[in-house]
Structure formats: structure tokens, C-alpha cells
Amino acid sequence: MSFRTIFHTVTKALVLAVALTLLFASFLAPSTSAQDALGRKIKSKISPIYPAIARKMNLAGIVKLEITVAANGTVKDTKVIGGNPILVNAAADAVKKWRFEPANDDSVGVVEFKFDPSTD
């Protein structure tokens, strides 16, 4: 197999992977603010760091996480609902640093992160 054949095969696979990611991301529900989803005011919010490999691949997409916020306002748990695995860790790492107003009980809600290399 020649280098050219291998190059075209790999290129086609990468284009297909990116196209499928964008296709599946388009089926996700519109974004909801964490404050609306949880009914609690956000005191501090950290934006995710766009992964270098995703930037090189010009990868865009939406990551949806279910988060549990403890009564004291810290993020206690995250659960991935959907999104590209390359982008999920960046979103989860960022949301774990968020702080919310204290409440009487834990709160659970869904948050979305939109990754778009053209706006980053």
C-alpha cells in the first residue's frame, strides 16, 4: 500500500469522524443555563480549556453533563450524558470548579458546553 493510499484512507476516516460528531451534536437539545436547570445562582463559573488535539482536528460539538451540586454550593458529582469523548474531560474539569449559592439540599441539573474552534 502506498503512502498516498494510506493518507487518503486516514483523511477520509477523520473527515467522517468529524462529520458524525457534528451530526450527533446537532440533535442535542438547545442549551440551558445552569442557573435555570438547578434553580441556584452561580457564584463563580470557569470556562473549559479547549483540548489541543480537538483544536488541531478543528473539532466542534456540544457536551451535556448532569451535575449534582452539594448544599454548600460545590459540584459534588458529574455524569456524562453526551458529547465527543475528546471534549468531555475539558467540560467536566471546568464544571467541577464552579461554585453555586448555598441551599438546604443537593441540586441536580443538566448543563451544556458548546465547543467551537472558530470562536475560541
PDB file of N, CA and C in Angstrom:
ATOM      1  N   MET A   1       0.844  -1.170   0.000  1.00  0.00           N
ATOM      2  CA  MET A   1       0.000   0.000   0.000  1.00  0.00           C
ATOM      3  C   MET A   1       0.895   1.241   0.000  1.00  0.00           C
ATOM      4  N   SER A   2       0.593   2.183  -0.862  1.00  0.00           N
ATOM      5  CA  SER A   2       1.420   3.376  -0.974  1.00  0.00           C
ATOM      6  C   SER A   2       1.063   4.396   0.109  1.00  0.00           C
ATOM      7  N   PHE A   3       1.966   5.308   0.317  1.00  0.00           N
ATOM      8  CA  PHE A   3       1.744   6.378   1.288  1.00  0.00           C
ATOM      9  C   PHE A   3       0.498   7.181   0.914  1.00  0.00           C
ATOM     10  N   ARG A   4       0.335   7.438  -0.375  1.00  0.00           N
ATOM     11  CA  ARG A   4      -0.806   8.218  -0.835  1.00  0.00           C
ATOM     12  C   ARG A   4      -2.130   7.527  -0.499  1.00  0.00           C
ATOM     13  N   THR A   5      -2.203   6.227  -0.691  1.00  0.00           N
ATOM     14  CA  THR A   5      -3.413   5.468  -0.375  1.00  0.00           C
ATOM     15  C   THR A   5      -3.703   5.508   1.121  1.00  0.00           C
ATOM     16  N   ILE A   6      -2.671   5.329   1.922  1.00  0.00           N
ATOM     17  CA  ILE A   6      -2.834   5.388   3.389  1.00  0.00           C
ATOM     18  C   ILE A   6      -3.294   6.781   3.800  1.00  0.00           C
ATOM     19  N   PHE A   7      -2.672   7.808   3.239  1.00  0.00           N
ATOM     20  CA  PHE A   7      -3.035   9.186   3.576  1.00  0.00           C
ATOM     21  C   PHE A   7      -4.500   9.456   3.256  1.00  0.00           C
ATOM     22  N   HIS A   8      -4.962   9.060   2.092  1.00  0.00           N
ATOM     23  CA  HIS A   8      -6.355   9.286   1.709  1.00  0.00           C
ATOM     24  C   HIS A   8      -7.315   8.502   2.600  1.00  0.00           C
ATOM     25  N   THR A   9      -6.955   7.290   2.967  1.00  0.00           N
ATOM     26  CA  THR A   9      -7.797   6.481   3.847  1.00  0.00           C
ATOM     27  C   THR A   9      -7.933   7.134   5.221  1.00  0.00           C
ATOM     28  N   VAL A  10      -6.819   7.581   5.778  1.00  0.00           N
ATOM     29  CA  VAL A  10      -6.835   8.229   7.091  1.00  0.00           C
ATOM     30  C   VAL A  10      -7.601   9.542   7.017  1.00  0.00           C
ATOM     31  N   THR A  11      -7.387  10.313   5.974  1.00  0.00           N
ATOM     32  CA  THR A  11      -8.092  11.582   5.814  1.00  0.00           C
ATOM     33  C   THR A  11      -9.603  11.365   5.738  1.00  0.00           C
ATOM     34  N   LYS A  12     -10.030  10.387   4.964  1.00  0.00           N
ATOM     35  CA  LYS A  12     -11.459  10.088   4.861  1.00  0.00           C
ATOM     36  C   LYS A  12     -12.035   9.691   6.216  1.00  0.00           C
ATOM     37  N   ALA A  13     -11.295   8.893   6.973  1.00  0.00           N
ATOM     38  CA  ALA A  13     -11.765   8.462   8.294  1.00  0.00           C
ATOM     39  C   ALA A  13     -11.909   9.656   9.233  1.00  0.00           C
ATOM     40  N   LEU A  14     -10.947  10.565   9.218  1.00  0.00           N
ATOM     41  CA  LEU A  14     -11.029  11.754  10.077  1.00  0.00           C
ATOM     42  C   LEU A  14     -12.186  12.659   9.679  1.00  0.00           C
ATOM     43  N   VAL A  15     -12.383  12.855   8.392  1.00  0.00           N
ATOM     44  CA  VAL A  15     -13.496  13.685   7.922  1.00  0.00           C
ATOM     45  C   VAL A  15     -14.821  13.053   8.327  1.00  0.00           C
ATOM     46  N   LEU A  16     -14.930  11.757   8.198  1.00  0.00           N
ATOM     47  CA  LEU A  16     -16.147  11.053   8.603  1.00  0.00           C
ATOM     48  C   LEU A  16     -16.389  11.203  10.106  1.00  0.00           C
ATOM     49  N   ALA A  17     -15.346  11.053  10.906  1.00  0.00           N
ATOM     50  CA  ALA A  17     -15.482  11.183  12.360  1.00  0.00           C
ATOM     51  C   ALA A  17     -15.957  12.579  12.746  1.00  0.00           C
ATOM     52  N   VAL A  18     -15.388  13.597  12.139  1.00  0.00           N
ATOM     53  CA  VAL A  18     -15.797  14.974  12.432  1.00  0.00           C
ATOM     54  C   VAL A  18     -17.235  15.208  11.972  1.00  0.00           C
ATOM     55  N   ALA A  19     -17.582  14.728  10.799  1.00  0.00           N
ATOM     56  CA  ALA A  19     -18.944  14.901  10.289  1.00  0.00           C
ATOM     57  C   ALA A  19     -19.966  14.225  11.197  1.00  0.00           C
ATOM     58  N   LEU A  20     -19.675  13.023  11.650  1.00  0.00           N
ATOM     59  CA  LEU A  20     -20.593  12.317  12.559  1.00  0.00           C
ATOM     60  C   LEU A  20     -20.733  13.052  13.888  1.00  0.00           C
ATOM     61  N   THR A  21     -19.624  13.586  14.390  1.00  0.00           N
ATOM     62  CA  THR A  21     -19.671  14.346  15.639  1.00  0.00           C
ATOM     63  C   THR A  21     -20.582  15.549  15.491  1.00  0.00           C
ATOM     64  N   LEU A  22     -20.430  16.287  14.406  1.00  0.00           N
ATOM     65  CA  LEU A  22     -21.276  17.459  14.181  1.00  0.00           C
ATOM     66  C   LEU A  22     -22.730  17.066  13.980  1.00  0.00           C
ATOM     67  N   LEU A  23     -22.962  15.967  13.299  1.00  0.00           N
ATOM     68  CA  LEU A  23     -24.320  15.498  13.074  1.00  0.00           C
ATOM     69  C   LEU A  23     -25.003  15.152  14.391  1.00  0.00           C
ATOM     70  N   PHE A  24     -24.328  14.377  15.238  1.00  0.00           N
ATOM     71  CA  PHE A  24     -24.930  13.987  16.511  1.00  0.00           C
ATOM     72  C   PHE A  24     -25.082  15.185  17.436  1.00  0.00           C
ATOM     73  N   ALA A  25     -24.154  16.121  17.395  1.00  0.00           N
ATOM     74  CA  ALA A  25     -24.258  17.318  18.235  1.00  0.00           C
ATOM     75  C   ALA A  25     -25.478  18.146  17.848  1.00  0.00           C
ATOM     76  N   SER A  26     -25.858  18.119  16.589  1.00  0.00           N
ATOM     77  CA  SER A  26     -26.997  18.915  16.150  1.00  0.00           C
ATOM     78  C   SER A  26     -28.324  18.367  16.657  1.00  0.00           C
ATOM     79  N   PHE A  27     -28.374  17.118  17.100  1.00  0.00           N
ATOM     80  CA  PHE A  27     -29.604  16.542  17.617  1.00  0.00           C
ATOM     81  C   PHE A  27     -29.829  16.838  19.095  1.00  0.00           C
ATOM     82  N   LEU A  28     -28.849  17.423  19.761  1.00  0.00           N
ATOM     83  CA  LEU A  28     -28.988  17.702  21.182  1.00  0.00           C
ATOM     84  C   LEU A  28     -29.949  18.863  21.405  1.00  0.00           C
ATOM     85  N   ALA A  29     -30.546  18.874  22.590  1.00  0.00           N
ATOM     86  CA  ALA A  29     -31.479  19.946  22.928  1.00  0.00           C
ATOM     87  C   ALA A  29     -30.748  21.281  23.010  1.00  0.00           C
ATOM     88  N   PRO A  30     -31.469  22.385  22.832  1.00  0.00           N
ATOM     89  CA  PRO A  30     -30.830  23.681  22.952  1.00  0.00           C
ATOM     90  C   PRO A  30     -30.267  23.892  24.351  1.00  0.00           C
ATOM     91  N   SER A  31     -29.246  24.720  24.462  1.00  0.00           N
ATOM     92  CA  SER A  31     -28.581  24.848  25.748  1.00  0.00           C
ATOM     93  C   SER A  31     -29.455  25.544  26.780  1.00  0.00           C
ATOM     94  N   THR A  32     -29.267  25.132  28.005  1.00  0.00           N
ATOM     95  CA  THR A  32     -29.987  25.675  29.144  1.00  0.00           C
ATOM     96  C   THR A  32     -28.950  26.209  30.108  1.00  0.00           C
ATOM     97  N   SER A  33     -29.231  27.292  30.740  1.00  0.00           N
ATOM     98  CA  SER A  33     -28.249  27.790  31.696  1.00  0.00           C
ATOM     99  C   SER A  33     -28.290  26.932  32.952  1.00  0.00           C
ATOM    100  N   ALA A  34     -27.143  26.819  33.589  1.00  0.00           N
ATOM    101  CA  ALA A  34     -27.056  26.010  34.809  1.00  0.00           C
ATOM    102  C   ALA A  34     -27.957  26.583  35.900  1.00  0.00           C
ATOM    103  N   GLN A  35     -28.057  27.899  35.939  1.00  0.00           N
ATOM    104  CA  GLN A  35     -28.889  28.541  36.953  1.00  0.00           C
ATOM    105  C   GLN A  35     -30.344  28.133  36.792  1.00  0.00           C
ATOM    106  N   ASP A  36     -30.846  28.115  35.554  1.00  0.00           N
ATOM    107  CA  ASP A  36     -32.225  27.706  35.302  1.00  0.00           C
ATOM    108  C   ASP A  36     -32.423  26.226  35.616  1.00  0.00           C
ATOM    109  N   ALA A  37     -31.462  25.397  35.227  1.00  0.00           N
ATOM    110  CA  ALA A  37     -31.581  23.952  35.407  1.00  0.00           C
ATOM    111  C   ALA A  37     -31.548  23.564  36.873  1.00  0.00           C
ATOM    112  N   LEU A  38     -30.774  24.283  37.671  1.00  0.00           N
ATOM    113  CA  LEU A  38     -30.606  23.921  39.077  1.00  0.00           C
ATOM    114  C   LEU A  38     -31.442  24.779  40.023  1.00  0.00           C
ATOM    115  N   GLY A  39     -31.899  25.917  39.558  1.00  0.00           N
ATOM    116  CA  GLY A  39     -32.643  26.815  40.431  1.00  0.00           C
ATOM    117  C   GLY A  39     -31.751  27.487  41.463  1.00  0.00           C
ATOM    118  N   ARG A  40     -30.447  27.525  41.199  1.00  0.00           N
ATOM    119  CA  ARG A  40     -29.484  28.145  42.121  1.00  0.00           C
ATOM    120  C   ARG A  40     -28.594  29.103  41.351  1.00  0.00           C
ATOM    121  N   LYS A  41     -28.263  30.208  41.989  1.00  0.00           N
ATOM    122  CA  LYS A  41     -27.411  31.202  41.358  1.00  0.00           C
ATOM    123  C   LYS A  41     -25.955  30.739  41.351  1.00  0.00           C
ATOM    124  N   ILE A  42     -25.284  30.980  40.236  1.00  0.00           N
ATOM    125  CA  ILE A  42     -23.870  30.628  40.114  1.00  0.00           C
ATOM    126  C   ILE A  42     -23.036  31.762  40.690  1.00  0.00           C
ATOM    127  N   LYS A  43     -22.154  31.428  41.619  1.00  0.00           N
ATOM    128  CA  LYS A  43     -21.255  32.423  42.207  1.00  0.00           C
ATOM    129  C   LYS A  43     -19.984  32.570  41.388  1.00  0.00           C
ATOM    130  N   SER A  44     -19.442  31.464  40.876  1.00  0.00           N
ATOM    131  CA  SER A  44     -18.256  31.530  40.015  1.00  0.00           C
ATOM    132  C   SER A  44     -18.322  30.414  38.986  1.00  0.00           C
ATOM    133  N   LYS A  45     -17.908  30.766  37.767  1.00  0.00           N
ATOM    134  CA  LYS A  45     -18.004  29.839  36.636  1.00  0.00           C
ATOM    135  C   LYS A  45     -16.681  29.852  35.888  1.00  0.00           C
ATOM    136  N   ILE A  46     -16.110  28.684  35.666  1.00  0.00           N
ATOM    137  CA  ILE A  46     -14.860  28.522  34.932  1.00  0.00           C
ATOM    138  C   ILE A  46     -15.191  27.958  33.550  1.00  0.00           C
ATOM    139  N   SER A  47     -14.612  28.555  32.514  1.00  0.00           N
ATOM    140  CA  SER A  47     -14.813  28.041  31.152  1.00  0.00           C
ATOM    141  C   SER A  47     -13.847  26.892  30.889  1.00  0.00           C
ATOM    142  N   PRO A  48     -14.273  25.905  30.104  1.00  0.00           N
ATOM    143  CA  PRO A  48     -13.376  24.791  29.794  1.00  0.00           C
ATOM    144  C   PRO A  48     -12.226  25.227  28.887  1.00  0.00           C
ATOM    145  N   ILE A  49     -11.122  24.527  29.020  1.00  0.00           N
ATOM    146  CA  ILE A  49      -9.966  24.757  28.154  1.00  0.00           C
ATOM    147  C   ILE A  49     -10.123  23.851  26.941  1.00  0.00           C
ATOM    148  N   TYR A  50     -10.090  24.463  25.770  1.00  0.00           N
ATOM    149  CA  TYR A  50     -10.266  23.707  24.530  1.00  0.00           C
ATOM    150  C   TYR A  50      -9.079  22.758  24.353  1.00  0.00           C
ATOM    151  N   PRO A  51      -9.303  21.434  24.267  1.00  0.00           N
ATOM    152  CA  PRO A  51      -8.189  20.483  24.128  1.00  0.00           C
ATOM    153  C   PRO A  51      -7.379  20.723  22.852  1.00  0.00           C
ATOM    154  N   ALA A  52      -6.059  20.635  22.963  1.00  0.00           N
ATOM    155  CA  ALA A  52      -5.171  20.896  21.820  1.00  0.00           C
ATOM    156  C   ALA A  52      -5.474  19.966  20.644  1.00  0.00           C
ATOM    157  N   ILE A  53      -5.720  18.701  20.933  1.00  0.00           N
ATOM    158  CA  ILE A  53      -5.995  17.747  19.846  1.00  0.00           C
ATOM    159  C   ILE A  53      -7.292  18.101  19.125  1.00  0.00           C
ATOM    160  N   ALA A  54      -8.285  18.577  19.881  1.00  0.00           N
ATOM    161  CA  ALA A  54      -9.550  18.983  19.267  1.00  0.00           C
ATOM    162  C   ALA A  54      -9.333  20.202  18.377  1.00  0.00           C
ATOM    163  N   ARG A  55      -8.474  21.102  18.823  1.00  0.00           N
ATOM    164  CA  ARG A  55      -8.169  22.299  18.031  1.00  0.00           C
ATOM    165  C   ARG A  55      -7.476  21.905  16.722  1.00  0.00           C
ATOM    166  N   LYS A  56      -6.527  20.962  16.808  1.00  0.00           N
ATOM    167  CA  LYS A  56      -5.820  20.507  15.612  1.00  0.00           C
ATOM    168  C   LYS A  56      -6.780  19.851  14.620  1.00  0.00           C
ATOM    169  N   MET A  57      -7.785  19.162  15.137  1.00  0.00           N
ATOM    170  CA  MET A  57      -8.758  18.481  14.283  1.00  0.00           C
ATOM    171  C   MET A  57      -9.913  19.401  13.876  1.00  0.00           C
ATOM    172  N   ASN A  58      -9.886  20.654  14.385  1.00  0.00           N
ATOM    173  CA  ASN A  58     -10.959  21.611  14.139  1.00  0.00           C
ATOM    174  C   ASN A  58     -12.302  21.019  14.591  1.00  0.00           C
ATOM    175  N   LEU A  59     -12.288  20.381  15.739  1.00  0.00           N
ATOM    176  CA  LEU A  59     -13.437  19.648  16.266  1.00  0.00           C
ATOM    177  C   LEU A  59     -14.384  20.572  17.024  1.00  0.00           C
ATOM    178  N   ALA A  60     -15.649  20.510  16.684  1.00  0.00           N
ATOM    179  CA  ALA A  60     -16.686  21.280  17.361  1.00  0.00           C
ATOM    180  C   ALA A  60     -17.726  20.313  17.897  1.00  0.00           C
ATOM    181  N   GLY A  61     -18.483  20.744  18.885  1.00  0.00           N
ATOM    182  CA  GLY A  61     -19.545  19.891  19.403  1.00  0.00           C
ATOM    183  C   GLY A  61     -20.078  20.392  20.718  1.00  0.00           C
ATOM    184  N   ILE A  62     -21.075  19.689  21.209  1.00  0.00           N
ATOM    185  CA  ILE A  62     -21.720  20.029  22.473  1.00  0.00           C
ATOM    186  C   ILE A  62     -21.528  18.874  23.438  1.00  0.00           C
ATOM    187  N   VAL A  63     -21.198  19.213  24.676  1.00  0.00           N
ATOM    188  CA  VAL A  63     -21.076  18.222  25.746  1.00  0.00           C
ATOM    189  C   VAL A  63     -22.191  18.507  26.746  1.00  0.00           C
ATOM    190  N   LYS A  64     -22.950  17.470  27.090  1.00  0.00           N
ATOM    191  CA  LYS A  64     -24.003  17.601  28.096  1.00  0.00           C
ATOM    192  C   LYS A  64     -23.598  16.815  29.335  1.00  0.00           C
ATOM    193  N   LEU A  65     -23.666  17.483  30.482  1.00  0.00           N
ATOM    194  CA  LEU A  65     -23.330  16.858  31.753  1.00  0.00           C
ATOM    195  C   LEU A  65     -24.477  17.026  32.740  1.00  0.00           C
ATOM    196  N   GLU A  66     -24.753  15.964  33.484  1.00  0.00           N
ATOM    197  CA  GLU A  66     -25.659  16.083  34.619  1.00  0.00           C
ATOM    198  C   GLU A  66     -24.781  16.352  35.824  1.00  0.00           C
ATOM    199  N   ILE A  67     -25.063  17.428  36.539  1.00  0.00           N
ATOM    200  CA  ILE A  67     -24.238  17.749  37.702  1.00  0.00           C
ATOM    201  C   ILE A  67     -25.081  17.717  38.976  1.00  0.00           C
ATOM    202  N   THR A  68     -24.426  17.305  40.039  1.00  0.00           N
ATOM    203  CA  THR A  68     -25.038  17.339  41.359  1.00  0.00           C
ATOM    204  C   THR A  68     -24.270  18.370  42.176  1.00  0.00           C
ATOM    205  N   VAL A  69     -24.996  19.350  42.685  1.00  0.00           N
ATOM    206  CA  VAL A  69     -24.398  20.411  43.486  1.00  0.00           C
ATOM    207  C   VAL A  69     -24.773  20.173  44.940  1.00  0.00           C
ATOM    208  N   ALA A  70     -23.759  20.120  45.796  1.00  0.00           N
ATOM    209  CA  ALA A  70     -23.977  19.905  47.229  1.00  0.00           C
ATOM    210  C   ALA A  70     -24.651  21.129  47.848  1.00  0.00           C
ATOM    211  N   ALA A  71     -25.197  20.946  49.018  1.00  0.00           N
ATOM    212  CA  ALA A  71     -25.875  22.036  49.721  1.00  0.00           C
ATOM    213  C   ALA A  71     -24.955  23.242  49.923  1.00  0.00           C
ATOM    214  N   ASN A  72     -23.655  22.989  50.094  1.00  0.00           N
ATOM    215  CA  ASN A  72     -22.712  24.100  50.330  1.00  0.00           C
ATOM    216  C   ASN A  72     -22.340  24.849  49.047  1.00  0.00           C
ATOM    217  N   GLY A  73     -22.796  24.384  47.873  1.00  0.00           N
ATOM    218  CA  GLY A  73     -22.569  25.088  46.619  1.00  0.00           C
ATOM    219  C   GLY A  73     -21.457  24.529  45.750  1.00  0.00           C
ATOM    220  N   THR A  74     -20.778  23.493  46.208  1.00  0.00           N
ATOM    221  CA  THR A  74     -19.722  22.885  45.384  1.00  0.00           C
ATOM    222  C   THR A  74     -20.312  21.781  44.514  1.00  0.00           C
ATOM    223  N   VAL A  75     -19.669  21.537  43.385  1.00  0.00           N
ATOM    224  CA  VAL A  75     -20.127  20.469  42.495  1.00  0.00           C
ATOM    225  C   VAL A  75     -19.639  19.147  43.068  1.00  0.00           C
ATOM    226  N   LYS A  76     -20.584  18.316  43.419  1.00  0.00           N
ATOM    227  CA  LYS A  76     -20.313  17.055  44.105  1.00  0.00           C
ATOM    228  C   LYS A  76     -20.073  15.909  43.133  1.00  0.00           C
ATOM    229  N   ASP A  77     -20.786  15.924  41.983  1.00  0.00           N
ATOM    230  CA  ASP A  77     -20.695  14.803  41.050  1.00  0.00           C
ATOM    231  C   ASP A  77     -21.042  15.279  39.641  1.00  0.00           C
ATOM    232  N   THR A  78     -20.424  14.632  38.647  1.00  0.00           N
ATOM    233  CA  THR A  78     -20.763  14.887  37.247  1.00  0.00           C
ATOM    234  C   THR A  78     -21.004  13.557  36.549  1.00  0.00           C
ATOM    235  N   LYS A  79     -21.946  13.560  35.629  1.00  0.00           N
ATOM    236  CA  LYS A  79     -22.245  12.370  34.840  1.00  0.00           C
ATOM    237  C   LYS A  79     -22.390  12.807  33.387  1.00  0.00           C
ATOM    238  N   VAL A  80     -21.679  12.146  32.494  1.00  0.00           N
ATOM    239  CA  VAL A  80     -21.732  12.489  31.076  1.00  0.00           C
ATOM    240  C   VAL A  80     -23.033  11.972  30.475  1.00  0.00           C
ATOM    241  N   ILE A  81     -23.759  12.872  29.832  1.00  0.00           N
ATOM    242  CA  ILE A  81     -24.986  12.496  29.131  1.00  0.00           C
ATOM    243  C   ILE A  81     -24.694  12.335  27.644  1.00  0.00           C
ATOM    244  N   GLY A  82     -23.822  13.197  27.115  1.00  0.00           N
ATOM    245  CA  GLY A  82     -23.487  13.099  25.703  1.00  0.00           C
ATOM    246  C   GLY A  82     -22.373  14.046  25.326  1.00  0.00           C
ATOM    247  N   GLY A  83     -21.753  13.719  24.205  1.00  0.00           N
ATOM    248  CA  GLY A  83     -20.701  14.581  23.691  1.00  0.00           C
ATOM    249  C   GLY A  83     -19.506  13.779  23.235  1.00  0.00           C
ATOM    250  N   ASN A  84     -18.653  14.439  22.478  1.00  0.00           N
ATOM    251  CA  ASN A  84     -17.445  13.812  21.975  1.00  0.00           C
ATOM    252  C   ASN A  84     -16.485  13.529  23.126  1.00  0.00           C
ATOM    253  N   PRO A  85     -15.970  12.296  23.214  1.00  0.00           N
ATOM    254  CA  PRO A  85     -15.062  11.949  24.309  1.00  0.00           C
ATOM    255  C   PRO A  85     -13.832  12.851  24.411  1.00  0.00           C
ATOM    256  N   ILE A  86     -13.400  13.416  23.290  1.00  0.00           N
ATOM    257  CA  ILE A  86     -12.240  14.313  23.320  1.00  0.00           C
ATOM    258  C   ILE A  86     -12.582  15.600  24.073  1.00  0.00           C
ATOM    259  N   LEU A  87     -13.839  16.013  24.046  1.00  0.00           N
ATOM    260  CA  LEU A  87     -14.262  17.260  24.663  1.00  0.00           C
ATOM    261  C   LEU A  87     -14.822  17.091  26.073  1.00  0.00           C
ATOM    262  N   VAL A  88     -15.251  15.886  26.419  1.00  0.00           N
ATOM    263  CA  VAL A  88     -15.927  15.633  27.690  1.00  0.00           C
ATOM    264  C   VAL A  88     -15.060  15.980  28.900  1.00  0.00           C
ATOM    265  N   ASN A  89     -13.809  15.564  28.902  1.00  0.00           N
ATOM    266  CA  ASN A  89     -12.958  15.813  30.071  1.00  0.00           C
ATOM    267  C   ASN A  89     -12.762  17.298  30.342  1.00  0.00           C
ATOM    268  N   ALA A  90     -12.612  18.085  29.284  1.00  0.00           N
ATOM    269  CA  ALA A  90     -12.436  19.528  29.457  1.00  0.00           C
ATOM    270  C   ALA A  90     -13.672  20.141  30.108  1.00  0.00           C
ATOM    271  N   ALA A  91     -14.850  19.718  29.675  1.00  0.00           N
ATOM    272  CA  ALA A  91     -16.095  20.239  30.238  1.00  0.00           C
ATOM    273  C   ALA A  91     -16.255  19.810  31.699  1.00  0.00           C
ATOM    274  N   ALA A  92     -15.992  18.537  31.983  1.00  0.00           N
ATOM    275  CA  ALA A  92     -16.138  18.034  33.351  1.00  0.00           C
ATOM    276  C   ALA A  92     -15.142  18.701  34.298  1.00  0.00           C
ATOM    277  N   ASP A  93     -13.906  18.883  33.851  1.00  0.00           N
ATOM    278  CA  ASP A  93     -12.900  19.544  34.695  1.00  0.00           C
ATOM    279  C   ASP A  93     -13.317  20.972  35.025  1.00  0.00           C
ATOM    280  N   ALA A  94     -13.878  21.681  34.054  1.00  0.00           N
ATOM    281  CA  ALA A  94     -14.294  23.067  34.278  1.00  0.00           C
ATOM    282  C   ALA A  94     -15.477  23.141  35.240  1.00  0.00           C
ATOM    283  N   VAL A  95     -16.502  22.322  35.020  1.00  0.00           N
ATOM    284  CA  VAL A  95     -17.714  22.424  35.839  1.00  0.00           C
ATOM    285  C   VAL A  95     -17.448  22.021  37.295  1.00  0.00           C
ATOM    286  N   LYS A  96     -16.465  21.178  37.532  1.00  0.00           N
ATOM    287  CA  LYS A  96     -16.126  20.796  38.913  1.00  0.00           C
ATOM    288  C   LYS A  96     -15.580  21.977  39.716  1.00  0.00           C
ATOM    289  N   LYS A  97     -15.141  23.022  39.020  1.00  0.00           N
ATOM    290  CA  LYS A  97     -14.608  24.217  39.687  1.00  0.00           C
ATOM    291  C   LYS A  97     -15.674  25.289  39.903  1.00  0.00           C
ATOM    292  N   TRP A  98     -16.882  25.076  39.378  1.00  0.00           N
ATOM    293  CA  TRP A  98     -17.960  26.045  39.562  1.00  0.00           C
ATOM    294  C   TRP A  98     -18.397  26.074  41.024  1.00  0.00           C
ATOM    295  N   ARG A  99     -18.920  27.221  41.441  1.00  0.00           N
ATOM    296  CA  ARG A  99     -19.467  27.377  42.788  1.00  0.00           C
ATOM    297  C   ARG A  99     -20.843  28.020  42.674  1.00  0.00           C
ATOM    298  N   PHE A 100     -21.780  27.482  43.456  1.00  0.00           N
ATOM    299  CA  PHE A 100     -23.155  27.962  43.460  1.00  0.00           C
ATOM    300  C   PHE A 100     -23.500  28.518  44.838  1.00  0.00           C
ATOM    301  N   GLU A 101     -24.600  29.261  44.893  1.00  0.00           N
ATOM    302  CA  GLU A 101     -25.098  29.753  46.173  1.00  0.00           C
ATOM    303  C   GLU A 101     -25.492  28.548  47.033  1.00  0.00           C
ATOM    304  N   PRO A 102     -25.274  28.616  48.336  1.00  0.00           N
ATOM    305  CA  PRO A 102     -25.688  27.520  49.220  1.00  0.00           C
ATOM    306  C   PRO A 102     -27.219  27.336  49.203  1.00  0.00           C
ATOM    307  N   ALA A 103     -27.652  26.127  49.527  1.00  0.00           N
ATOM    308  CA  ALA A 103     -29.078  25.800  49.594  1.00  0.00           C
ATOM    309  C   ALA A 103     -29.281  24.779  50.707  1.00  0.00           C
ATOM    310  N   ASN A 104     -30.520  24.434  50.965  1.00  0.00           N
ATOM    311  CA  ASN A 104     -30.820  23.460  52.018  1.00  0.00           C
ATOM    312  C   ASN A 104     -30.464  22.034  51.619  1.00  0.00           C
ATOM    313  N   ASP A 105     -30.593  21.715  50.330  1.00  0.00           N
ATOM    314  CA  ASP A 105     -30.368  20.356  49.857  1.00  0.00           C
ATOM    315  C   ASP A 105     -29.483  20.365  48.615  1.00  0.00           C
ATOM    316  N   ASP A 106     -29.067  19.159  48.194  1.00  0.00           N
ATOM    317  CA  ASP A 106     -28.348  19.000  46.938  1.00  0.00           C
ATOM    318  C   ASP A 106     -29.295  19.327  45.782  1.00  0.00           C
ATOM    319  N   SER A 107     -28.719  19.761  44.671  1.00  0.00           N
ATOM    320  CA  SER A 107     -29.488  20.043  43.452  1.00  0.00           C
ATOM    321  C   SER A 107     -28.893  19.257  42.301  1.00  0.00           C
ATOM    322  N   VAL A 108     -29.744  18.833  41.387  1.00  0.00           N
ATOM    323  CA  VAL A 108     -29.289  18.101  40.207  1.00  0.00           C
ATOM    324  C   VAL A 108     -29.840  18.809  38.975  1.00  0.00           C
ATOM    325  N   GLY A 109     -28.981  18.976  37.958  1.00  0.00           N
ATOM    326  CA  GLY A 109     -29.409  19.617  36.728  1.00  0.00           C
ATOM    327  C   GLY A 109     -28.475  19.261  35.590  1.00  0.00           C
ATOM    328  N   VAL A 110     -28.845  19.654  34.392  1.00  0.00           N
ATOM    329  CA  VAL A 110     -28.051  19.372  33.200  1.00  0.00           C
ATOM    330  C   VAL A 110     -27.476  20.688  32.677  1.00  0.00           C
ATOM    331  N   VAL A 111     -26.194  20.656  32.353  1.00  0.00           N
ATOM    332  CA  VAL A 111     -25.538  21.814  31.743  1.00  0.00           C
ATOM    333  C   VAL A 111     -24.909  21.393  30.424  1.00  0.00           C
ATOM    334  N   GLU A 112     -24.780  22.341  29.530  1.00  0.00           N
ATOM    335  CA  GLU A 112     -24.183  22.089  28.222  1.00  0.00           C
ATOM    336  C   GLU A 112     -23.000  23.014  27.998  1.00  0.00           C
ATOM    337  N   PHE A 113     -22.011  22.477  27.324  1.00  0.00           N
ATOM    338  CA  PHE A 113     -20.860  23.260  26.892  1.00  0.00           C
ATOM    339  C   PHE A 113     -20.773  23.151  25.384  1.00  0.00           C
ATOM    340  N   LYS A 114     -20.697  24.290  24.718  1.00  0.00           N
ATOM    341  CA  LYS A 114     -20.566  24.297  23.252  1.00  0.00           C
ATOM    342  C   LYS A 114     -19.110  24.590  22.919  1.00  0.00           C
ATOM    343  N   PHE A 115     -18.480  23.675  22.214  1.00  0.00           N
ATOM    344  CA  PHE A 115     -17.103  23.835  21.776  1.00  0.00           C
ATOM    345  C   PHE A 115     -17.106  24.189  20.294  1.00  0.00           C
ATOM    346  N   ASP A 116     -16.502  25.320  19.965  1.00  0.00           N
ATOM    347  CA  ASP A 116     -16.436  25.758  18.577  1.00  0.00           C
ATOM    348  C   ASP A 116     -15.073  26.414  18.359  1.00  0.00           C
ATOM    349  N   PRO A 117     -14.190  25.763  17.607  1.00  0.00           N
ATOM    350  CA  PRO A 117     -12.854  26.299  17.431  1.00  0.00           C
ATOM    351  C   PRO A 117     -12.816  27.644  16.711  1.00  0.00           C
ATOM    352  N   SER A 118     -13.864  27.975  15.971  1.00  0.00           N
ATOM    353  CA  SER A 118     -13.873  29.249  15.253  1.00  0.00           C
ATOM    354  C   SER A 118     -14.132  30.432  16.183  1.00  0.00           C
ATOM    355  N   THR A 119     -14.716  30.171  17.357  1.00  0.00           N
ATOM    356  CA  THR A 119     -14.988  31.250  18.303  1.00  0.00           C
ATOM    357  C   THR A 119     -14.046  31.233  19.495  1.00  0.00           C
ATOM    358  N   ASP A 120     -13.188  30.245  19.574  1.00  0.00           N
ATOM    359  CA  ASP A 120     -12.288  30.118  20.724  1.00  0.00           C
ATOM    360  C   ASP A 120     -11.047  30.944  20.540  1.00  0.00           C
TER     361      ASP A 120
END
